[in-house]
Amino acid sequence: MKIVFSKAYTARTPGHVFRADKFEAALELLLKEGAVSQKDIVAPAPPSRADLLLAHSPAWVKKNLTFSFTPADSAAAELEITRNVVKAHLANVGGTLLAAELALAHGVGINCGGGSHHARRDRGAGFCLLNDIAVAVKKLLKTGRVKRALVIDLDAHQGDGTAAICRGDRRIFTFSIHGAEIFPEKKEKSSYDLPLRSGTGGAAYLAALRQELPRALNRFHPDFAVYVAGADVYKGDLLGGFELTMAGIKARDTFVFAECRRRGVPVALTLAGGYAKKFTDTVRIHANTIKTALAAFR
């Protein structure tokens, strides 16, 4: 199986809580452990303007393609928008597009990055500039490759950008389990939202997931899914608020992949957030998620 990754993902953001180098570090860990080899790694092509316009406004797409941002744009995104940051987000969109294609071909597609679920149609937000999830889903729908797409968002933070961009499109079901009290302060309406209190541990979290995800799958009958597998549900995360252990996160991932596979639903994986006190913990969680995907679909 192929792992999608680009060196462009690794944009330097000195002093920022979001470390883009976590994706490259996770891939290096997988290579070191022999879970993947260099021949398994494929680089994505950049998205086209037409691809970006599927989820974003012409004005916002133009800003990203011509690097014509204002200080207000950086403030809205809570991230200094440098040229390398823009290149990283464009590359991540290309990565999720390729992961979606690989999922349709092989059952699972793995983007060692992606998951920018806060990006809005006309602006950045929550460290996100471009919504790779919405772009990928809408492209598959537009080309007729799929008819019904499910977004399974288990990042600790609600995928408010994805929910807003996809609202009103009955071909897309957005499913989100997230922290009730954390960012974003103003939540959007997903197709299904399950906000949980800060301090929720693995047993309660997994019980909710095991009850509600099958219901969503059975109700909506998707023929494609994107899994937003945030590492920030970890008990050592600075921004998440949940109390899952690494074993609990493995159980989460195992359940998601098993539910999709047994229904024959191809799934594209994106890694999304992760802000553990120990950087190596975030890296390990992302690597574990990819190993779980590989094991589930081999």
Protein backbone atom coordinates (compact mmCIF):
# COMPACT_ATOMS: atom_id res chain seq x y z
CA MET A 1 0.00 0.00 0.00
CA LYS A 2 1.13 3.52 -0.76
CA ILE A 3 1.66 6.35 1.71
CA VAL A 4 1.09 9.85 0.33
CA PHE A 5 3.60 12.43 1.51
CA SER A 6 5.40 15.52 0.27
CA LYS A 7 8.39 17.29 1.75
CA ALA A 8 6.37 20.45 1.19
CA TYR A 9 4.15 19.41 4.13
CA THR A 10 6.98 20.35 6.49
CA ALA A 11 6.57 24.12 6.72
CA ARG A 12 8.46 25.78 9.56
CA THR A 13 6.25 27.55 12.12
CA PRO A 14 8.73 28.49 14.88
CA GLY A 15 7.16 28.76 18.32
CA HIS A 16 3.70 27.79 17.08
CA VAL A 17 1.74 25.02 18.83
CA PHE A 18 1.10 23.39 15.44
CA ARG A 19 4.25 21.65 14.29
CA ALA A 20 3.96 20.69 10.64
CA ASP A 21 7.06 18.52 10.96
CA LYS A 22 5.03 15.95 12.90
CA PHE A 23 3.89 14.34 9.64
CA GLU A 24 7.42 13.86 8.36
CA ALA A 25 8.53 12.60 11.77
CA ALA A 26 5.72 10.02 11.79
CA LEU A 27 6.77 8.79 8.35
CA GLU A 28 10.40 8.58 9.45
CA LEU A 29 9.31 6.50 12.46
CA LEU A 30 7.38 4.12 10.20
CA LEU A 31 10.42 3.76 7.93
CA LYS A 32 12.70 3.14 10.92
CA GLU A 33 10.40 0.42 12.24
CA GLY A 34 10.04 -1.22 8.82
CA ALA A 35 6.29 -0.68 8.66
CA VAL A 36 6.74 0.99 5.28
CA SER A 37 9.61 1.34 2.81
CA GLN A 38 10.76 4.16 0.57
CA LYS A 39 9.11 2.51 -2.43
CA ASP A 40 5.74 2.82 -0.67
CA ILE A 41 5.90 6.63 -0.54
CA VAL A 42 4.24 8.61 -3.32
CA ALA A 43 4.23 12.39 -3.74
CA PRO A 44 1.00 14.17 -4.69
CA ALA A 45 0.51 16.54 -7.57
CA PRO A 46 -0.63 20.05 -6.61
CA PRO A 47 -4.37 20.69 -6.83
CA SER A 48 -5.69 22.66 -9.75
CA ARG A 49 -7.52 25.95 -9.44
CA ALA A 50 -10.68 24.10 -10.50
CA ASP A 51 -10.17 21.62 -7.67
CA LEU A 52 -9.86 24.37 -5.07
CA LEU A 53 -12.94 26.16 -6.39
CA LEU A 54 -15.04 23.12 -5.53
CA ALA A 55 -14.81 24.10 -1.86
CA HIS A 56 -13.50 27.67 -1.78
CA SER A 57 -14.48 31.09 -3.10
CA PRO A 58 -12.69 32.54 -6.14
CA ALA A 59 -11.23 35.34 -4.01
CA TRP A 60 -9.76 32.94 -1.43
CA VAL A 61 -8.39 30.62 -4.11
CA LYS A 62 -6.74 33.61 -5.81
CA LYS A 63 -5.09 34.66 -2.55
CA ASN A 64 -3.64 31.17 -2.08
CA LEU A 65 -2.41 30.84 -5.65
CA THR A 66 -0.95 34.36 -5.92
CA PHE A 67 0.19 34.77 -2.29
CA SER A 68 -1.77 37.98 -1.86
CA PHE A 69 -2.77 37.71 1.80
CA THR A 70 -3.30 40.52 4.27
CA PRO A 71 -2.30 40.58 7.96
CA ALA A 72 -5.98 40.03 8.72
CA ASP A 73 -5.84 36.71 6.87
CA SER A 74 -3.03 35.50 9.13
CA ALA A 75 -4.94 36.69 12.19
CA ALA A 76 -8.06 34.79 11.12
CA ALA A 77 -6.04 31.62 10.56
CA GLU A 78 -4.13 32.10 13.85
CA LEU A 79 -1.01 31.32 11.85
CA GLU A 80 1.58 33.46 10.09
CA ILE A 81 0.92 32.81 6.41
CA THR A 82 4.31 32.43 4.76
CA ARG A 83 4.97 31.13 1.27
CA ASN A 84 6.04 27.78 2.69
CA VAL A 85 2.88 27.55 4.79
CA VAL A 86 0.79 28.09 1.64
CA LYS A 87 2.84 25.50 -0.26
CA ALA A 88 2.25 23.06 2.59
CA HIS A 89 -1.50 23.53 2.50
CA LEU A 90 -1.65 23.22 -1.28
CA ALA A 91 0.45 20.04 -1.09
CA ASN A 92 -1.84 18.62 1.59
CA VAL A 93 -4.88 19.18 -0.61
CA GLY A 94 -3.10 17.30 -3.39
CA GLY A 95 -2.27 14.59 -0.86
CA THR A 96 -5.86 14.04 0.19
CA LEU A 97 -6.99 14.04 -3.44
CA LEU A 98 -4.47 11.30 -4.17
CA ALA A 99 -5.39 9.38 -1.01
CA ALA A 100 -9.02 9.45 -2.17
CA GLU A 101 -8.04 7.95 -5.52
CA LEU A 102 -5.96 5.26 -3.78
CA ALA A 103 -8.89 4.48 -1.49
CA LEU A 104 -11.18 3.84 -4.45
CA ALA A 105 -8.55 1.57 -6.00
CA HIS A 106 -7.37 -0.33 -2.92
CA GLY A 107 -9.93 0.14 -0.14
CA VAL A 108 -7.79 2.58 1.81
CA GLY A 109 -5.76 5.64 0.90
CA ILE A 110 -3.34 7.15 3.41
CA ASN A 111 -2.32 10.79 3.46
CA CYS A 112 0.53 11.25 5.96
CA GLY A 113 -0.85 14.73 6.59
CA GLY A 114 -4.05 16.55 5.70
CA GLY A 115 -7.20 17.08 7.73
CA SER A 116 -7.48 20.89 7.60
CA HIS A 117 -11.09 20.81 8.73
CA HIS A 118 -11.35 24.37 10.07
CA ALA A 119 -10.67 26.09 6.74
CA ARG A 120 -13.76 27.97 5.53
CA ARG A 121 -14.95 28.66 2.02
CA ASP A 122 -13.56 32.19 2.01
CA ARG A 123 -10.90 32.29 4.76
CA GLY A 124 -8.55 30.33 6.92
CA ALA A 125 -9.22 29.39 10.55
CA GLY A 126 -7.76 27.21 13.28
CA PHE A 127 -4.31 26.87 11.63
CA CYS A 128 -5.99 25.75 8.38
CA LEU A 129 -5.97 27.57 5.03
CA LEU A 130 -7.52 25.09 2.58
CA ASN A 131 -10.04 22.37 3.34
CA ASP A 132 -8.51 19.28 1.73
CA ILE A 133 -11.36 17.10 3.01
CA ALA A 134 -14.11 19.10 1.31
CA VAL A 135 -12.11 19.48 -1.90
CA ALA A 136 -11.52 15.72 -2.17
CA VAL A 137 -15.10 14.75 -1.39
CA LYS A 138 -16.60 17.29 -3.77
CA LYS A 139 -14.25 16.29 -6.58
CA LEU A 140 -15.23 12.61 -6.33
CA LEU A 141 -18.88 13.58 -6.29
CA LYS A 142 -18.53 15.96 -9.24
CA THR A 143 -16.74 13.37 -11.36
CA GLY A 144 -19.33 10.73 -10.49
CA ARG A 145 -16.75 8.43 -8.90
CA VAL A 146 -18.92 8.29 -5.78
CA LYS A 147 -22.52 9.17 -5.04
CA ARG A 148 -22.58 9.44 -1.24
CA ALA A 149 -19.62 10.47 0.91
CA LEU A 150 -19.21 10.31 4.69
CA VAL A 151 -16.74 12.46 6.65
CA ILE A 152 -15.82 10.74 9.93
CA ASP A 153 -14.21 13.52 11.97
CA LEU A 154 -12.72 12.29 15.25
CA ASP A 155 -10.30 15.15 15.79
CA ALA A 156 -10.88 16.62 19.27
CA HIS A 157 -12.10 19.84 17.63
CA GLN A 158 -15.27 20.05 15.56
CA GLY A 159 -14.68 20.14 11.82
CA ASP A 160 -16.62 23.38 11.56
CA GLY A 161 -15.16 24.40 8.21
CA THR A 162 -16.03 21.08 6.61
CA ALA A 163 -19.55 21.20 8.07
CA ALA A 164 -20.11 24.73 6.76
CA ILE A 165 -18.75 24.03 3.27
CA CYS A 166 -20.73 20.80 2.90
CA ARG A 167 -23.98 21.98 4.49
CA GLY A 168 -26.94 21.56 2.19
CA ASP A 169 -25.30 18.92 0.01
CA ARG A 170 -27.35 15.80 0.67
CA ARG A 171 -24.65 13.66 -0.92
CA ILE A 172 -22.34 14.39 2.02
CA PHE A 173 -22.82 13.29 5.64
CA THR A 174 -20.55 14.99 8.17
CA PHE A 175 -20.09 13.03 11.41
CA SER A 176 -18.21 14.68 14.28
CA ILE A 177 -17.34 13.64 17.84
CA HIS A 178 -15.55 16.52 19.50
CA GLY A 179 -14.97 18.50 22.67
CA ALA A 180 -17.96 20.57 23.75
CA GLU A 181 -16.01 23.35 25.46
CA ILE A 182 -12.99 23.80 23.19
CA PHE A 183 -12.29 25.55 19.86
CA PRO A 184 -14.23 26.50 17.85
CA GLU A 185 -16.21 28.57 20.32
CA LYS A 186 -19.13 28.76 17.88
CA LYS A 187 -19.87 25.31 16.53
CA GLU A 188 -21.37 24.67 13.11
CA LYS A 189 -24.12 22.13 12.46
CA SER A 190 -22.77 18.87 11.06
CA SER A 191 -25.08 16.15 9.79
CA TYR A 192 -24.40 14.49 13.15
CA ASP A 193 -22.63 16.12 16.11
CA LEU A 194 -21.71 14.47 19.39
CA PRO A 195 -20.05 17.00 21.71
CA LEU A 196 -18.38 15.42 24.75
CA ARG A 197 -17.22 17.08 27.95
CA SER A 198 -13.57 17.75 28.69
CA GLY A 199 -12.11 14.93 30.74
CA THR A 200 -13.99 12.23 28.82
CA GLY A 201 -11.92 9.06 29.00
CA GLY A 202 -11.41 6.17 26.63
CA ALA A 203 -14.24 3.95 27.89
CA ALA A 204 -16.93 6.60 27.51
CA TYR A 205 -15.50 7.89 24.23
CA LEU A 206 -15.29 4.45 22.66
CA ALA A 207 -18.76 3.50 23.89
CA ALA A 208 -20.19 6.59 22.17
CA LEU A 209 -18.26 5.89 18.97
CA ARG A 210 -19.28 2.22 18.87
CA GLN A 211 -22.92 3.17 19.25
CA GLU A 212 -23.15 6.16 16.92
CA LEU A 213 -20.80 5.49 13.98
CA PRO A 214 -22.57 2.27 12.89
CA ARG A 215 -25.88 4.13 13.08
CA ALA A 216 -24.53 6.82 10.76
CA LEU A 217 -23.10 4.27 8.34
CA ASN A 218 -26.33 2.26 8.31
CA ARG A 219 -28.49 5.35 7.90
CA PHE A 220 -26.50 7.05 5.16
CA HIS A 221 -25.04 4.09 3.22
CA PRO A 222 -21.94 5.92 1.92
CA ASP A 223 -19.83 4.57 -0.92
CA PHE A 224 -16.77 6.54 0.23
CA ALA A 225 -15.46 7.97 3.52
CA VAL A 226 -12.79 10.36 4.71
CA TYR A 227 -11.46 9.65 8.19
CA VAL A 228 -10.09 12.68 10.06
CA ALA A 229 -8.02 10.90 12.71
CA GLY A 230 -6.85 13.68 15.01
CA ALA A 231 -4.19 12.75 17.57
CA ASP A 232 -5.44 15.49 19.89
CA VAL A 233 -7.88 13.21 21.74
CA TYR A 234 -4.78 12.00 23.63
CA LYS A 235 -4.64 12.57 27.38
CA GLY A 236 -1.34 14.43 27.03
CA ASP A 237 -2.57 16.90 24.42
CA LEU A 238 -2.33 20.64 25.09
CA LEU A 239 -5.48 21.61 23.18
CA GLY A 240 -7.81 18.60 23.20
CA GLY A 241 -9.18 18.03 26.69
CA PHE A 242 -9.95 14.32 26.33
CA GLU A 243 -8.24 11.55 28.29
CA LEU A 244 -7.66 8.75 25.77
CA THR A 245 -4.51 6.67 26.10
CA MET A 246 -2.50 5.54 23.09
CA ALA A 247 -4.20 2.15 23.42
CA GLY A 248 -7.58 3.90 23.42
CA ILE A 249 -6.72 5.79 20.24
CA LYS A 250 -5.62 2.53 18.60
CA ALA A 251 -8.98 1.03 19.55
CA ARG A 252 -10.73 4.08 18.04
CA ASP A 253 -8.84 3.72 14.76
CA THR A 254 -9.29 -0.05 14.63
CA PHE A 255 -13.04 0.32 15.02
CA VAL A 256 -13.39 2.97 12.32
CA PHE A 257 -11.40 1.00 9.76
CA ALA A 258 -13.19 -2.26 10.60
CA GLU A 259 -16.63 -0.70 10.25
CA CYS A 260 -15.74 0.78 6.86
CA ARG A 261 -14.06 -2.36 5.57
CA ARG A 262 -16.83 -4.77 6.50
CA ARG A 263 -19.32 -2.56 4.64
CA GLY A 264 -17.04 -2.24 1.63
CA VAL A 265 -16.66 1.53 2.09
CA PRO A 266 -13.32 2.84 0.76
CA VAL A 267 -11.72 5.22 3.25
CA ALA A 268 -9.16 8.00 2.80
CA LEU A 269 -7.16 8.75 5.95
CA THR A 270 -6.05 12.23 7.02
CA LEU A 271 -4.13 12.85 10.25
CA ALA A 272 -5.30 16.35 11.29
CA GLY A 273 -4.42 17.80 14.72
CA GLY A 274 -2.07 16.73 17.47
CA TYR A 275 -0.44 18.94 20.10
CA ALA A 276 0.88 16.63 22.81
CA LYS A 277 3.10 18.04 25.53
CA LYS A 278 5.71 15.57 24.28
CA PHE A 279 6.15 15.98 20.53
CA THR A 280 7.19 12.33 20.24
CA ASP A 281 3.78 11.27 21.59
CA THR A 282 1.98 13.02 18.73
CA VAL A 283 4.40 11.43 16.26
CA ARG A 284 3.80 7.96 17.74
CA ILE A 285 0.02 8.37 17.61
CA HIS A 286 0.07 9.40 13.94
CA ALA A 287 2.38 6.48 13.12
CA ASN A 288 0.11 4.08 15.02
CA THR A 289 -2.92 5.29 13.09
CA ILE A 290 -1.20 4.59 9.78
CA LYS A 291 -0.04 1.15 10.99
CA THR A 292 -3.62 0.39 12.04
CA ALA A 293 -4.89 1.36 8.58
CA LEU A 294 -2.28 -0.83 6.89
CA ALA A 295 -3.15 -3.80 9.11
CA ALA A 296 -6.91 -3.37 8.57
CA PHE A 297 -6.72 -3.41 4.78
CA ARG A 298 -3.84 -5.81 4.05
